[in-house]
Amino acid sequence: MIIALLGILLGVAIGLLLPLSLAATYSLYVSVGILAAIDSVFGGVRASMMEKFDPVIFISGFFINALMAGLLAYIGDNLGVPLYYAAIFAFGVRLFNNLAIIRRIIIENIRKKRVE
């Protein structure tokens, strides 16, 4: 858990120190990919809190979800159909679902500590 938090802090620090700008045409693909990656991170945190974390599943899901979301947005863009909405909806729902489960686990752990 500590390693994950350090990784997040390191990523934020690098992002703030190394300003990177992308062309506006890629912003849709990158944003959908980032949403998928964030969903994977919250899924990893949830799995870790439930003591079911598998690094191979996490790493493969992280990259495959991000690439698939970007590819879906790209294909939809070429077809003139906003397919990225499907990725936004799917990963958004999963992200908030994982967040809700993480919140419940934290609350249950706090309640257990108070009882002991």
PDB file of N, CA and C in Angstrom:
ATOM      1  N   MET A   1       0.834  -1.191   0.000  1.00  0.00           N
ATOM      2  CA  MET A   1       0.000   0.000   0.000  1.00  0.00           C
ATOM      3  C   MET A   1       0.877   1.253   0.000  1.00  0.00           C
ATOM      4  N   ILE A   2       1.942   1.225   0.793  1.00  0.00           N
ATOM      5  CA  ILE A   2       2.853   2.362   0.862  1.00  0.00           C
ATOM      6  C   ILE A   2       3.544   2.566  -0.486  1.00  0.00           C
ATOM      7  N   ILE A   3       3.914   1.461  -1.139  1.00  0.00           N
ATOM      8  CA  ILE A   3       4.581   1.560  -2.433  1.00  0.00           C
ATOM      9  C   ILE A   3       3.652   2.199  -3.460  1.00  0.00           C
ATOM     10  N   ALA A   4       2.375   1.847  -3.412  1.00  0.00           N
ATOM     11  CA  ALA A   4       1.406   2.429  -4.347  1.00  0.00           C
ATOM     12  C   ALA A   4       1.274   3.934  -4.127  1.00  0.00           C
ATOM     13  N   LEU A   5       1.199   4.343  -2.875  1.00  0.00           N
ATOM     14  CA  LEU A   5       1.089   5.773  -2.576  1.00  0.00           C
ATOM     15  C   LEU A   5       2.347   6.531  -2.999  1.00  0.00           C
ATOM     16  N   LEU A   6       3.512   5.920  -2.780  1.00  0.00           N
ATOM     17  CA  LEU A   6       4.757   6.543  -3.216  1.00  0.00           C
ATOM     18  C   LEU A   6       4.796   6.652  -4.740  1.00  0.00           C
ATOM     19  N   GLY A   7       4.309   5.645  -5.436  1.00  0.00           N
ATOM     20  CA  GLY A   7       4.245   5.682  -6.890  1.00  0.00           C
ATOM     21  C   GLY A   7       3.338   6.777  -7.400  1.00  0.00           C
ATOM     22  N   ILE A   8       2.201   6.951  -6.745  1.00  0.00           N
ATOM     23  CA  ILE A   8       1.276   8.016  -7.126  1.00  0.00           C
ATOM     24  C   ILE A   8       1.912   9.381  -6.897  1.00  0.00           C
ATOM     25  N   LEU A   9       2.531   9.564  -5.731  1.00  0.00           N
ATOM     26  CA  LEU A   9       3.185  10.839  -5.437  1.00  0.00           C
ATOM     27  C   LEU A   9       4.326  11.127  -6.406  1.00  0.00           C
ATOM     28  N   LEU A  10       5.092  10.095  -6.742  1.00  0.00           N
ATOM     29  CA  LEU A  10       6.180  10.263  -7.705  1.00  0.00           C
ATOM     30  C   LEU A  10       5.627  10.648  -9.083  1.00  0.00           C
ATOM     31  N   GLY A  11       4.553  10.009  -9.496  1.00  0.00           N
ATOM     32  CA  GLY A  11       3.928  10.329 -10.781  1.00  0.00           C
ATOM     33  C   GLY A  11       3.411  11.749 -10.831  1.00  0.00           C
ATOM     34  N   VAL A  12       2.781  12.200  -9.752  1.00  0.00           N
ATOM     35  CA  VAL A  12       2.281  13.576  -9.690  1.00  0.00           C
ATOM     36  C   VAL A  12       3.437  14.560  -9.721  1.00  0.00           C
ATOM     37  N   ALA A  13       4.505  14.265  -8.978  1.00  0.00           N
ATOM     38  CA  ALA A  13       5.674  15.157  -8.958  1.00  0.00           C
ATOM     39  C   ALA A  13       6.316  15.260 -10.338  1.00  0.00           C
ATOM     40  N   ILE A  14       6.462  14.136 -11.005  1.00  0.00           N
ATOM     41  CA  ILE A  14       7.038  14.150 -12.358  1.00  0.00           C
ATOM     42  C   ILE A  14       6.134  14.928 -13.301  1.00  0.00           C
ATOM     43  N   GLY A  15       4.836  14.733 -13.189  1.00  0.00           N
ATOM     44  CA  GLY A  15       3.888  15.450 -14.036  1.00  0.00           C
ATOM     45  C   GLY A  15       3.936  16.955 -13.821  1.00  0.00           C
ATOM     46  N   LEU A  16       4.169  17.371 -12.588  1.00  0.00           N
ATOM     47  CA  LEU A  16       4.235  18.806 -12.303  1.00  0.00           C
ATOM     48  C   LEU A  16       5.577  19.414 -12.713  1.00  0.00           C
ATOM     49  N   LEU A  17       6.637  18.632 -12.602  1.00  0.00           N
ATOM     50  CA  LEU A  17       7.975  19.152 -12.912  1.00  0.00           C
ATOM     51  C   LEU A  17       8.310  19.104 -14.402  1.00  0.00           C
ATOM     52  N   LEU A  18       7.756  18.161 -15.109  1.00  0.00           N
ATOM     53  CA  LEU A  18       8.017  18.034 -16.539  1.00  0.00           C
ATOM     54  C   LEU A  18       6.748  18.367 -17.327  1.00  0.00           C
ATOM     55  N   PRO A  19       6.556  19.624 -17.636  1.00  0.00           N
ATOM     56  CA  PRO A  19       5.327  19.987 -18.350  1.00  0.00           C
ATOM     57  C   PRO A  19       5.297  19.343 -19.737  1.00  0.00           C
ATOM     58  N   LEU A  20       4.232  18.656 -20.011  1.00  0.00           N
ATOM     59  CA  LEU A  20       4.060  17.951 -21.269  1.00  0.00           C
ATOM     60  C   LEU A  20       2.791  18.457 -21.916  1.00  0.00           C
ATOM     61  N   SER A  21       2.890  18.836 -23.156  1.00  0.00           N
ATOM     62  CA  SER A  21       1.687  19.290 -23.848  1.00  0.00           C
ATOM     63  C   SER A  21       1.445  18.389 -25.049  1.00  0.00           C
ATOM     64  N   LEU A  22       0.204  18.070 -25.262  1.00  0.00           N
ATOM     65  CA  LEU A  22      -0.197  17.230 -26.375  1.00  0.00           C
ATOM     66  C   LEU A  22      -1.068  18.047 -27.318  1.00  0.00           C
ATOM     67  N   ALA A  23      -1.093  17.620 -28.555  1.00  0.00           N
ATOM     68  CA  ALA A  23      -1.983  18.272 -29.516  1.00  0.00           C
ATOM     69  C   ALA A  23      -3.427  18.017 -29.103  1.00  0.00           C
ATOM     70  N   ALA A  24      -4.278  18.967 -29.384  1.00  0.00           N
ATOM     71  CA  ALA A  24      -5.686  18.864 -28.988  1.00  0.00           C
ATOM     72  C   ALA A  24      -6.355  17.639 -29.605  1.00  0.00           C
ATOM     73  N   THR A  25      -5.866  17.192 -30.746  1.00  0.00           N
ATOM     74  CA  THR A  25      -6.493  16.028 -31.395  1.00  0.00           C
ATOM     75  C   THR A  25      -6.293  14.748 -30.581  1.00  0.00           C
ATOM     76  N   TYR A  26      -5.253  14.699 -29.757  1.00  0.00           N
ATOM     77  CA  TYR A  26      -4.996  13.505 -28.953  1.00  0.00           C
ATOM     78  C   TYR A  26      -5.605  13.580 -27.557  1.00  0.00           C
ATOM     79  N   SER A  27      -6.135  14.700 -27.190  1.00  0.00           N
ATOM     80  CA  SER A  27      -6.627  14.874 -25.820  1.00  0.00           C
ATOM     81  C   SER A  27      -7.745  13.902 -25.475  1.00  0.00           C
ATOM     82  N   LEU A  28      -8.614  13.600 -26.430  1.00  0.00           N
ATOM     83  CA  LEU A  28      -9.705  12.658 -26.173  1.00  0.00           C
ATOM     84  C   LEU A  28      -9.161  11.275 -25.865  1.00  0.00           C
ATOM     85  N   TYR A  29      -8.204  10.823 -26.673  1.00  0.00           N
ATOM     86  CA  TYR A  29      -7.646   9.487 -26.485  1.00  0.00           C
ATOM     87  C   TYR A  29      -6.884   9.390 -25.165  1.00  0.00           C
ATOM     88  N   VAL A  30      -6.118  10.403 -24.876  1.00  0.00           N
ATOM     89  CA  VAL A  30      -5.332  10.401 -23.638  1.00  0.00           C
ATOM     90  C   VAL A  30      -6.253  10.460 -22.419  1.00  0.00           C
ATOM     91  N   SER A  31      -7.285  11.277 -22.473  1.00  0.00           N
ATOM     92  CA  SER A  31      -8.176  11.393 -21.319  1.00  0.00           C
ATOM     93  C   SER A  31      -8.924  10.099 -21.049  1.00  0.00           C
ATOM     94  N   VAL A  32      -9.363   9.416 -22.085  1.00  0.00           N
ATOM     95  CA  VAL A  32     -10.053   8.140 -21.901  1.00  0.00           C
ATOM     96  C   VAL A  32      -9.063   7.092 -21.387  1.00  0.00           C
ATOM     97  N   GLY A  33      -7.843   7.106 -21.902  1.00  0.00           N
ATOM     98  CA  GLY A  33      -6.818   6.189 -21.415  1.00  0.00           C
ATOM     99  C   GLY A  33      -6.476   6.437 -19.957  1.00  0.00           C
ATOM    100  N   ILE A  34      -6.401   7.705 -19.572  1.00  0.00           N
ATOM    101  CA  ILE A  34      -6.114   8.049 -18.176  1.00  0.00           C
ATOM    102  C   ILE A  34      -7.250   7.589 -17.268  1.00  0.00           C
ATOM    103  N   LEU A  35      -8.490   7.757 -17.725  1.00  0.00           N
ATOM    104  CA  LEU A  35      -9.635   7.293 -16.938  1.00  0.00           C
ATOM    105  C   LEU A  35      -9.556   5.783 -16.725  1.00  0.00           C
ATOM    106  N   ALA A  36      -9.206   5.051 -17.770  1.00  0.00           N
ATOM    107  CA  ALA A  36      -9.073   3.594 -17.646  1.00  0.00           C
ATOM    108  C   ALA A  36      -7.938   3.241 -16.689  1.00  0.00           C
ATOM    109  N   ALA A  37      -6.832   3.974 -16.761  1.00  0.00           N
ATOM    110  CA  ALA A  37      -5.706   3.711 -15.866  1.00  0.00           C
ATOM    111  C   ALA A  37      -6.085   4.004 -14.411  1.00  0.00           C
ATOM    112  N   ILE A  38      -6.794   5.095 -14.191  1.00  0.00           N
ATOM    113  CA  ILE A  38      -7.229   5.425 -12.828  1.00  0.00           C
ATOM    114  C   ILE A  38      -8.176   4.352 -12.302  1.00  0.00           C
ATOM    115  N   ASP A  39      -9.049   3.845 -13.168  1.00  0.00           N
ATOM    116  CA  ASP A  39      -9.932   2.759 -12.772  1.00  0.00           C
ATOM    117  C   ASP A  39      -9.124   1.546 -12.339  1.00  0.00           C
ATOM    118  N   SER A  40      -8.071   1.235 -13.090  1.00  0.00           N
ATOM    119  CA  SER A  40      -7.213   0.096 -12.732  1.00  0.00           C
ATOM    120  C   SER A  40      -6.517   0.322 -11.396  1.00  0.00           C
ATOM    121  N   VAL A  41      -6.075   1.532 -11.141  1.00  0.00           N
ATOM    122  CA  VAL A  41      -5.415   1.848  -9.870  1.00  0.00           C
ATOM    123  C   VAL A  41      -6.388   1.644  -8.707  1.00  0.00           C
ATOM    124  N   PHE A  42      -7.605   2.166  -8.838  1.00  0.00           N
ATOM    125  CA  PHE A  42      -8.582   1.979  -7.764  1.00  0.00           C
ATOM    126  C   PHE A  42      -8.945   0.506  -7.605  1.00  0.00           C
ATOM    127  N   GLY A  43      -8.999  -0.238  -8.714  1.00  0.00           N
ATOM    128  CA  GLY A  43      -9.232  -1.679  -8.622  1.00  0.00           C
ATOM    129  C   GLY A  43      -8.098  -2.376  -7.897  1.00  0.00           C
ATOM    130  N   GLY A  44      -6.861  -1.935  -8.149  1.00  0.00           N
ATOM    131  CA  GLY A  44      -5.706  -2.500  -7.454  1.00  0.00           C
ATOM    132  C   GLY A  44      -5.725  -2.197  -5.969  1.00  0.00           C
ATOM    133  N   VAL A  45      -6.094  -0.970  -5.620  1.00  0.00           N
ATOM    134  CA  VAL A  45      -6.200  -0.594  -4.205  1.00  0.00           C
ATOM    135  C   VAL A  45      -7.278  -1.433  -3.530  1.00  0.00           C
ATOM    136  N   ARG A  46      -8.413  -1.581  -4.221  1.00  0.00           N
ATOM    137  CA  ARG A  46      -9.506  -2.398  -3.668  1.00  0.00           C
ATOM    138  C   ARG A  46      -9.043  -3.832  -3.454  1.00  0.00           C
ATOM    139  N   ALA A  47      -8.383  -4.424  -4.463  1.00  0.00           N
ATOM    140  CA  ALA A  47      -7.908  -5.803  -4.346  1.00  0.00           C
ATOM    141  C   ALA A  47      -6.894  -5.931  -3.217  1.00  0.00           C
ATOM    142  N   SER A  48      -6.048  -4.934  -3.059  1.00  0.00           N
ATOM    143  CA  SER A  48      -5.062  -4.951  -1.981  1.00  0.00           C
ATOM    144  C   SER A  48      -5.742  -4.918  -0.621  1.00  0.00           C
ATOM    145  N   MET A  49      -6.757  -4.080  -0.501  1.00  0.00           N
ATOM    146  CA  MET A  49      -7.466  -3.972   0.781  1.00  0.00           C
ATOM    147  C   MET A  49      -8.248  -5.246   1.092  1.00  0.00           C
ATOM    148  N   MET A  50      -8.650  -5.967   0.045  1.00  0.00           N
ATOM    149  CA  MET A  50      -9.380  -7.222   0.233  1.00  0.00           C
ATOM    150  C   MET A  50      -8.424  -8.415   0.277  1.00  0.00           C
ATOM    151  N   GLU A  51      -7.116  -8.119   0.241  1.00  0.00           N
ATOM    152  CA  GLU A  51      -6.056  -9.124   0.272  1.00  0.00           C
ATOM    153  C   GLU A  51      -6.169 -10.114  -0.881  1.00  0.00           C
ATOM    154  N   LYS A  52      -6.518  -9.595  -2.078  1.00  0.00           N
ATOM    155  CA  LYS A  52      -6.629 -10.418  -3.283  1.00  0.00           C
ATOM    156  C   LYS A  52      -5.778  -9.836  -4.417  1.00  0.00           C
ATOM    157  N   PHE A  53      -4.809  -8.992  -4.084  1.00  0.00           N
ATOM    158  CA  PHE A  53      -4.017  -8.307  -5.094  1.00  0.00           C
ATOM    159  C   PHE A  53      -3.069  -9.272  -5.800  1.00  0.00           C
ATOM    160  N   ASP A  54      -3.063  -9.208  -7.131  1.00  0.00           N
ATOM    161  CA  ASP A  54      -2.144  -9.987  -7.960  1.00  0.00           C
ATOM    162  C   ASP A  54      -1.455  -9.011  -8.901  1.00  0.00           C
ATOM    163  N   PRO A  55      -0.149  -8.810  -8.772  1.00  0.00           N
ATOM    164  CA  PRO A  55       0.536  -7.805  -9.585  1.00  0.00           C
ATOM    165  C   PRO A  55       0.440  -8.051 -11.091  1.00  0.00           C
ATOM    166  N   VAL A  56       0.413  -9.310 -11.516  1.00  0.00           N
ATOM    167  CA  VAL A  56       0.307  -9.605 -12.951  1.00  0.00           C
ATOM    168  C   VAL A  56      -1.048  -9.164 -13.481  1.00  0.00           C
ATOM    169  N   ILE A  57      -2.093  -9.446 -12.739  1.00  0.00           N
ATOM    170  CA  ILE A  57      -3.431  -9.020 -13.149  1.00  0.00           C
ATOM    171  C   ILE A  57      -3.520  -7.502 -13.149  1.00  0.00           C
ATOM    172  N   PHE A  58      -2.931  -6.858 -12.141  1.00  0.00           N
ATOM    173  CA  PHE A  58      -2.974  -5.393 -12.070  1.00  0.00           C
ATOM    174  C   PHE A  58      -2.244  -4.752 -13.252  1.00  0.00           C
ATOM    175  N   ILE A  59      -1.015  -5.160 -13.499  1.00  0.00           N
ATOM    176  CA  ILE A  59      -0.220  -4.553 -14.573  1.00  0.00           C
ATOM    177  C   ILE A  59      -0.864  -4.813 -15.937  1.00  0.00           C
ATOM    178  N   SER A  60      -1.291  -6.043 -16.177  1.00  0.00           N
ATOM    179  CA  SER A  60      -1.915  -6.339 -17.471  1.00  0.00           C
ATOM    180  C   SER A  60      -3.219  -5.565 -17.632  1.00  0.00           C
ATOM    181  N   GLY A  61      -4.021  -5.499 -16.589  1.00  0.00           N
ATOM    182  CA  GLY A  61      -5.273  -4.744 -16.660  1.00  0.00           C
ATOM    183  C   GLY A  61      -5.039  -3.264 -16.849  1.00  0.00           C
ATOM    184  N   PHE A  62      -4.016  -2.739 -16.188  1.00  0.00           N
ATOM    185  CA  PHE A  62      -3.689  -1.317 -16.297  1.00  0.00           C
ATOM    186  C   PHE A  62      -3.419  -0.935 -17.743  1.00  0.00           C
ATOM    187  N   PHE A  63      -2.523  -1.670 -18.391  1.00  0.00           N
ATOM    188  CA  PHE A  63      -2.141  -1.324 -19.754  1.00  0.00           C
ATOM    189  C   PHE A  63      -3.202  -1.718 -20.783  1.00  0.00           C
ATOM    190  N   ILE A  64      -3.794  -2.887 -20.627  1.00  0.00           N
ATOM    191  CA  ILE A  64      -4.799  -3.330 -21.598  1.00  0.00           C
ATOM    192  C   ILE A  64      -6.032  -2.441 -21.540  1.00  0.00           C
ATOM    193  N   ASN A  65      -6.493  -2.084 -20.338  1.00  0.00           N
ATOM    194  CA  ASN A  65      -7.653  -1.192 -20.232  1.00  0.00           C
ATOM    195  C   ASN A  65      -7.375   0.176 -20.844  1.00  0.00           C
ATOM    196  N   ALA A  66      -6.198   0.731 -20.556  1.00  0.00           N
ATOM    197  CA  ALA A  66      -5.848   2.047 -21.101  1.00  0.00           C
ATOM    198  C   ALA A  66      -5.751   1.995 -22.626  1.00  0.00           C
ATOM    199  N   LEU A  67      -5.083   0.966 -23.149  1.00  0.00           N
ATOM    200  CA  LEU A  67      -4.950   0.841 -24.598  1.00  0.00           C
ATOM    201  C   LEU A  67      -6.297   0.582 -25.273  1.00  0.00           C
ATOM    202  N   MET A  68      -7.106  -0.256 -24.668  1.00  0.00           N
ATOM    203  CA  MET A  68      -8.421  -0.560 -25.243  1.00  0.00           C
ATOM    204  C   MET A  68      -9.316   0.669 -25.259  1.00  0.00           C
ATOM    205  N   ALA A  69      -9.280   1.435 -24.195  1.00  0.00           N
ATOM    206  CA  ALA A  69     -10.098   2.651 -24.143  1.00  0.00           C
ATOM    207  C   ALA A  69      -9.637   3.646 -25.209  1.00  0.00           C
ATOM    208  N   GLY A  70      -8.330   3.830 -25.346  1.00  0.00           N
ATOM    209  CA  GLY A  70      -7.814   4.726 -26.378  1.00  0.00           C
ATOM    210  C   GLY A  70      -8.143   4.226 -27.769  1.00  0.00           C
ATOM    211  N   LEU A  71      -8.031   2.913 -27.987  1.00  0.00           N
ATOM    212  CA  LEU A  71      -8.358   2.326 -29.286  1.00  0.00           C
ATOM    213  C   LEU A  71      -9.845   2.486 -29.598  1.00  0.00           C
ATOM    214  N   LEU A  72     -10.676   2.286 -28.616  1.00  0.00           N
ATOM    215  CA  LEU A  72     -12.118   2.462 -28.799  1.00  0.00           C
ATOM    216  C   LEU A  72     -12.447   3.896 -29.183  1.00  0.00           C
ATOM    217  N   ALA A  73     -11.809   4.844 -28.528  1.00  0.00           N
ATOM    218  CA  ALA A  73     -12.019   6.256 -28.865  1.00  0.00           C
ATOM    219  C   ALA A  73     -11.521   6.553 -30.273  1.00  0.00           C
ATOM    220  N   TYR A  74     -10.381   5.975 -30.640  1.00  0.00           N
ATOM    221  CA  TYR A  74      -9.809   6.202 -31.979  1.00  0.00           C
ATOM    222  C   TYR A  74     -10.712   5.628 -33.072  1.00  0.00           C
ATOM    223  N   ILE A  75     -11.170   4.400 -32.888  1.00  0.00           N
ATOM    224  CA  ILE A  75     -12.051   3.774 -33.877  1.00  0.00           C
ATOM    225  C   ILE A  75     -13.343   4.563 -34.001  1.00  0.00           C
ATOM    226  N   GLY A  76     -13.914   4.947 -32.876  1.00  0.00           N
ATOM    227  CA  GLY A  76     -15.135   5.738 -32.908  1.00  0.00           C
ATOM    228  C   GLY A  76     -14.940   7.071 -33.600  1.00  0.00           C
ATOM    229  N   ASP A  77     -13.798   7.690 -33.366  1.00  0.00           N
ATOM    230  CA  ASP A  77     -13.493   8.967 -34.003  1.00  0.00           C
ATOM    231  C   ASP A  77     -13.415   8.810 -35.518  1.00  0.00           C
ATOM    232  N   ASN A  78     -12.786   7.728 -35.974  1.00  0.00           N
ATOM    233  CA  ASN A  78     -12.680   7.482 -37.410  1.00  0.00           C
ATOM    234  C   ASN A  78     -14.020   7.126 -38.043  1.00  0.00           C
ATOM    235  N   LEU A  79     -14.892   6.506 -37.284  1.00  0.00           N
ATOM    236  CA  LEU A  79     -16.216   6.153 -37.797  1.00  0.00           C
ATOM    237  C   LEU A  79     -17.213   7.291 -37.666  1.00  0.00           C
ATOM    238  N   GLY A  80     -16.855   8.311 -36.916  1.00  0.00           N
ATOM    239  CA  GLY A  80     -17.771   9.418 -36.687  1.00  0.00           C
ATOM    240  C   GLY A  80     -18.810   9.112 -35.626  1.00  0.00           C
ATOM    241  N   VAL A  81     -18.538   8.098 -34.810  1.00  0.00           N
ATOM    242  CA  VAL A  81     -19.457   7.679 -33.748  1.00  0.00           C
ATOM    243  C   VAL A  81     -18.725   7.872 -32.417  1.00  0.00           C
ATOM    244  N   PRO A  82     -19.333   8.548 -31.470  1.00  0.00           N
ATOM    245  CA  PRO A  82     -18.637   8.796 -30.191  1.00  0.00           C
ATOM    246  C   PRO A  82     -18.575   7.555 -29.302  1.00  0.00           C
ATOM    247  N   LEU A  83     -17.782   6.559 -29.705  1.00  0.00           N
ATOM    248  CA  LEU A  83     -17.653   5.323 -28.928  1.00  0.00           C
ATOM    249  C   LEU A  83     -16.949   5.544 -27.597  1.00  0.00           C
ATOM    250  N   TYR A  84     -16.241   6.649 -27.478  1.00  0.00           N
ATOM    251  CA  TYR A  84     -15.539   6.916 -26.224  1.00  0.00           C
ATOM    252  C   TYR A  84     -16.518   7.080 -25.070  1.00  0.00           C
ATOM    253  N   TYR A  85     -17.779   7.393 -25.384  1.00  0.00           N
ATOM    254  CA  TYR A  85     -18.784   7.483 -24.320  1.00  0.00           C
ATOM    255  C   TYR A  85     -18.937   6.138 -23.607  1.00  0.00           C
ATOM    256  N   ALA A  86     -18.834   5.040 -24.373  1.00  0.00           N
ATOM    257  CA  ALA A  86     -18.943   3.708 -23.766  1.00  0.00           C
ATOM    258  C   ALA A  86     -17.816   3.490 -22.769  1.00  0.00           C
ATOM    259  N   ALA A  87     -16.600   3.891 -23.153  1.00  0.00           N
ATOM    260  CA  ALA A  87     -15.458   3.732 -22.251  1.00  0.00           C
ATOM    261  C   ALA A  87     -15.611   4.629 -21.029  1.00  0.00           C
ATOM    262  N   ILE A  88     -16.039   5.866 -21.248  1.00  0.00           N
ATOM    263  CA  ILE A  88     -16.230   6.791 -20.126  1.00  0.00           C
ATOM    264  C   ILE A  88     -17.270   6.238 -19.159  1.00  0.00           C
ATOM    265  N   PHE A  89     -18.370   5.732 -19.700  1.00  0.00           N
ATOM    266  CA  PHE A  89     -19.423   5.188 -18.845  1.00  0.00           C
ATOM    267  C   PHE A  89     -18.935   3.959 -18.085  1.00  0.00           C
ATOM    268  N   ALA A  90     -18.326   3.011 -18.808  1.00  0.00           N
ATOM    269  CA  ALA A  90     -17.895   1.758 -18.171  1.00  0.00           C
ATOM    270  C   ALA A  90     -16.841   2.002 -17.094  1.00  0.00           C
ATOM    271  N   PHE A  91     -15.810   2.762 -17.441  1.00  0.00           N
ATOM    272  CA  PHE A  91     -14.745   2.989 -16.467  1.00  0.00           C
ATOM    273  C   PHE A  91     -15.194   3.930 -15.357  1.00  0.00           C
ATOM    274  N   GLY A  92     -16.074   4.866 -15.669  1.00  0.00           N
ATOM    275  CA  GLY A  92     -16.603   5.758 -14.631  1.00  0.00           C
ATOM    276  C   GLY A  92     -17.414   4.993 -13.604  1.00  0.00           C
ATOM    277  N   VAL A  93     -18.278   4.105 -14.076  1.00  0.00           N
ATOM    278  CA  VAL A  93     -19.084   3.298 -13.162  1.00  0.00           C
ATOM    279  C   VAL A  93     -18.189   2.407 -12.309  1.00  0.00           C
ATOM    280  N   ARG A  94     -17.207   1.756 -12.932  1.00  0.00           N
ATOM    281  CA  ARG A  94     -16.301   0.888 -12.176  1.00  0.00           C
ATOM    282  C   ARG A  94     -15.484   1.679 -11.171  1.00  0.00           C
ATOM    283  N   LEU A  95     -15.041   2.863 -11.561  1.00  0.00           N
ATOM    284  CA  LEU A  95     -14.238   3.701 -10.670  1.00  0.00           C
ATOM    285  C   LEU A  95     -15.033   4.061  -9.417  1.00  0.00           C
ATOM    286  N   PHE A  96     -16.260   4.525  -9.604  1.00  0.00           N
ATOM    287  CA  PHE A  96     -17.075   4.894  -8.446  1.00  0.00           C
ATOM    288  C   PHE A  96     -17.489   3.672  -7.632  1.00  0.00           C
ATOM    289  N   ASN A  97     -17.671   2.535  -8.283  1.00  0.00           N
ATOM    290  CA  ASN A  97     -17.984   1.306  -7.555  1.00  0.00           C
ATOM    291  C   ASN A  97     -16.794   0.898  -6.690  1.00  0.00           C
ATOM    292  N   ASN A  98     -15.588   0.927  -7.266  1.00  0.00           N
ATOM    293  CA  ASN A  98     -14.395   0.609  -6.484  1.00  0.00           C
ATOM    294  C   ASN A  98     -14.203   1.592  -5.334  1.00  0.00           C
ATOM    295  N   LEU A  99     -14.459   2.861  -5.598  1.00  0.00           N
ATOM    296  CA  LEU A  99     -14.332   3.879  -4.559  1.00  0.00           C
ATOM    297  C   LEU A  99     -15.311   3.616  -3.416  1.00  0.00           C
ATOM    298  N   ALA A 100     -16.524   3.217  -3.757  1.00  0.00           N
ATOM    299  CA  ALA A 100     -17.521   2.911  -2.722  1.00  0.00           C
ATOM    300  C   ALA A 100     -17.088   1.711  -1.878  1.00  0.00           C
ATOM    301  N   ILE A 101     -16.542   0.692  -2.527  1.00  0.00           N
ATOM    302  CA  ILE A 101     -16.095  -0.493  -1.790  1.00  0.00           C
ATOM    303  C   ILE A 101     -14.899  -0.159  -0.904  1.00  0.00           C
ATOM    304  N   ILE A 102     -13.968   0.650  -1.426  1.00  0.00           N
ATOM    305  CA  ILE A 102     -12.817   1.080  -0.625  1.00  0.00           C
ATOM    306  C   ILE A 102     -13.292   1.859   0.598  1.00  0.00           C
ATOM    307  N   ARG A 103     -14.245   2.741   0.394  1.00  0.00           N
ATOM    308  CA  ARG A 103     -14.792   3.529   1.508  1.00  0.00           C
ATOM    309  C   ARG A 103     -15.407   2.615   2.556  1.00  0.00           C
ATOM    310  N   ARG A 104     -16.172   1.613   2.123  1.00  0.00           N
ATOM    311  CA  ARG A 104     -16.788   0.677   3.071  1.00  0.00           C
ATOM    312  C   ARG A 104     -15.738  -0.106   3.849  1.00  0.00           C
ATOM    313  N   ILE A 105     -14.685  -0.535   3.164  1.00  0.00           N
ATOM    314  CA  ILE A 105     -13.620  -1.285   3.844  1.00  0.00           C
ATOM    315  C   ILE A 105     -12.946  -0.417   4.892  1.00  0.00           C
ATOM    316  N   ILE A 106     -12.667   0.831   4.547  1.00  0.00           N
ATOM    317  CA  ILE A 106     -12.037   1.750   5.502  1.00  0.00           C
ATOM    318  C   ILE A 106     -12.939   1.970   6.705  1.00  0.00           C
ATOM    319  N   ILE A 107     -14.224   2.193   6.469  1.00  0.00           N
ATOM    320  CA  ILE A 107     -15.166   2.415   7.576  1.00  0.00           C
ATOM    321  C   ILE A 107     -15.264   1.175   8.456  1.00  0.00           C
ATOM    322  N   GLU A 108     -15.328  -0.004   7.841  1.00  0.00           N
ATOM    323  CA  GLU A 108     -15.385  -1.245   8.632  1.00  0.00           C
ATOM    324  C   GLU A 108     -14.125  -1.429   9.466  1.00  0.00           C
ATOM    325  N   ASN A 109     -12.962  -1.107   8.894  1.00  0.00           N
ATOM    326  CA  ASN A 109     -11.710  -1.223   9.655  1.00  0.00           C
ATOM    327  C   ASN A 109     -11.679  -0.247  10.823  1.00  0.00           C
ATOM    328  N   ILE A 110     -12.168   0.959  10.619  1.00  0.00           N
ATOM    329  CA  ILE A 110     -12.228   1.945  11.707  1.00  0.00           C
ATOM    330  C   ILE A 110     -13.167   1.463  12.801  1.00  0.00           C
ATOM    331  N   ARG A 111     -14.311   0.923  12.416  1.00  0.00           N
ATOM    332  CA  ARG A 111     -15.266   0.418  13.408  1.00  0.00           C
ATOM    333  C   ARG A 111     -14.689  -0.758  14.188  1.00  0.00           C
ATOM    334  N   LYS A 112     -13.960  -1.636  13.514  1.00  0.00           N
ATOM    335  CA  LYS A 112     -13.347  -2.785  14.212  1.00  0.00           C
ATOM    336  C   LYS A 112     -12.321  -2.312  15.232  1.00  0.00           C
ATOM    337  N   LYS A 113     -11.547  -1.305  14.873  1.00  0.00           N
ATOM    338  CA  LYS A 113     -10.527  -0.779  15.796  1.00  0.00           C
ATOM    339  C   LYS A 113     -11.165  -0.140  17.014  1.00  0.00           C
ATOM    340  N   ARG A 114     -12.311   0.502  16.830  1.00  0.00           N
ATOM    341  CA  ARG A 114     -13.005   1.139  17.969  1.00  0.00           C
ATOM    342  C   ARG A 114     -13.558   0.096  18.933  1.00  0.00           C
ATOM    343  N   VAL A 115     -14.006  -1.041  18.376  1.00  0.00           N
ATOM    344  CA  VAL A 115     -14.571  -2.087  19.202  1.00  0.00           C
ATOM    345  C   VAL A 115     -13.474  -2.777  20.025  1.00  0.00           C
ATOM    346  N   GLU A 116     -12.301  -2.928  19.446  1.00  0.00           N
ATOM    347  CA  GLU A 116     -11.206  -3.617  20.148  1.00  0.00           C
ATOM    348  C   GLU A 116     -10.691  -2.752  21.211  1.00  0.00           C
TER     349      GLU A 116
END
